[in-house]
């Protein structure tokens, strides 16, 4: 077998081995970790969203009340 064919074959085998190791690492380590983190973020946003809505409503109401007070006290 020519030397260039051996080099090409070695390159292909090495690239395939690296690909399968990285693919396995992605599937076994990274993907489950990211799935857990996404689930945590979704749970946190579901918890925070109602509080933010209440805070915004309260802030708008306070601003509107203070604006009305300023209008009533203006000459």
Protein backbone atom coordinates (compact mmCIF):
# COMPACT_ATOMS: atom_id res chain seq x y z
CA UNK A 1 0.00 0.00 0.00
CA UNK A 2 1.44 3.43 -0.90
CA UNK A 3 2.51 5.78 1.89
CA UNK A 4 -0.04 8.43 0.95
CA UNK A 5 -2.86 5.89 1.25
CA UNK A 6 -1.65 4.93 4.73
CA UNK A 7 -1.63 8.60 5.74
CA UNK A 8 -5.12 9.15 4.36
CA UNK A 9 -6.39 6.02 6.10
CA UNK A 10 -4.77 7.08 9.39
CA UNK A 11 -6.36 10.52 9.06
CA UNK A 12 -9.82 9.04 8.42
CA UNK A 13 -9.56 6.59 11.31
CA UNK A 14 -8.32 9.29 13.69
CA UNK A 15 -11.04 11.73 12.60
CA UNK A 16 -13.71 9.06 13.07
CA UNK A 17 -12.40 8.17 16.53
CA UNK A 18 -12.35 11.81 17.61
CA UNK A 19 -15.84 12.34 16.22
CA UNK A 20 -17.29 9.36 18.09
CA UNK A 21 -15.58 10.35 21.36
CA UNK A 22 -16.91 13.90 21.12
CA UNK A 23 -20.37 12.64 20.10
CA UNK A 24 -20.41 10.28 23.09
CA UNK A 25 -19.26 13.04 25.45
CA UNK A 26 -22.01 15.30 24.10
CA UNK A 27 -24.67 12.64 24.55
CA UNK A 28 -23.58 11.35 27.95
CA UNK A 29 -22.28 14.47 29.72
CA UNK A 30 -23.14 17.76 28.04
CA UNK A 31 -26.69 17.14 26.81
CA UNK A 32 -28.10 15.88 30.15
CA UNK A 33 -26.40 18.75 31.96
CA UNK A 34 -27.89 21.30 29.58
CA UNK A 35 -31.33 19.67 29.87
CA UNK A 36 -31.20 19.99 33.66
CA UNK A 37 -30.10 23.63 33.47
CA UNK A 38 -32.85 24.49 30.98
CA UNK A 39 -35.43 22.84 33.23
CA UNK A 40 -34.14 24.90 36.18
CA UNK A 41 -34.36 28.11 34.14
CA UNK A 42 -37.89 27.32 32.99
CA UNK A 43 -38.95 26.67 36.58
CA UNK A 44 -37.32 29.90 37.72
CA UNK A 45 -39.02 31.97 35.02
CA UNK A 46 -42.40 30.45 35.82
CA UNK A 47 -41.86 31.50 39.42
CA UNK A 48 -40.59 35.00 38.64
CA UNK A 49 -43.09 36.02 35.96
CA UNK A 50 -46.14 36.45 38.27
CA UNK A 51 -44.04 38.48 40.71
CA UNK A 52 -42.83 40.77 37.94
CA UNK A 53 -46.38 41.28 36.68
CA UNK A 54 -47.58 42.18 40.17
CA UNK A 55 -44.62 44.52 40.63
CA UNK A 56 -45.30 46.27 37.34
CA UNK A 57 -48.98 46.69 38.17
CA UNK A 58 -48.11 48.06 41.60
CA UNK A 59 -45.53 50.44 40.13
CA UNK A 60 -47.91 51.72 37.47
CA UNK A 61 -50.63 52.23 40.07
CA UNK A 62 -48.27 54.13 42.38
CA UNK A 63 -47.04 56.29 39.52
CA UNK A 64 -50.56 57.04 38.39
CA UNK A 65 -51.63 57.91 41.96
CA UNK A 66 -48.65 60.22 42.48
CA UNK A 67 -49.32 61.86 39.12
CA UNK A 68 -52.94 62.49 40.13
CA UNK A 69 -51.82 63.92 43.47
CA UNK A 70 -49.49 66.33 41.70
CA UNK A 71 -52.29 67.38 39.34
CA UNK A 72 -54.72 67.98 42.20
CA UNK A 73 -52.18 70.06 44.13
CA UNK A 74 -51.10 72.13 41.14
CA UNK A 75 -52.61 75.66 41.09
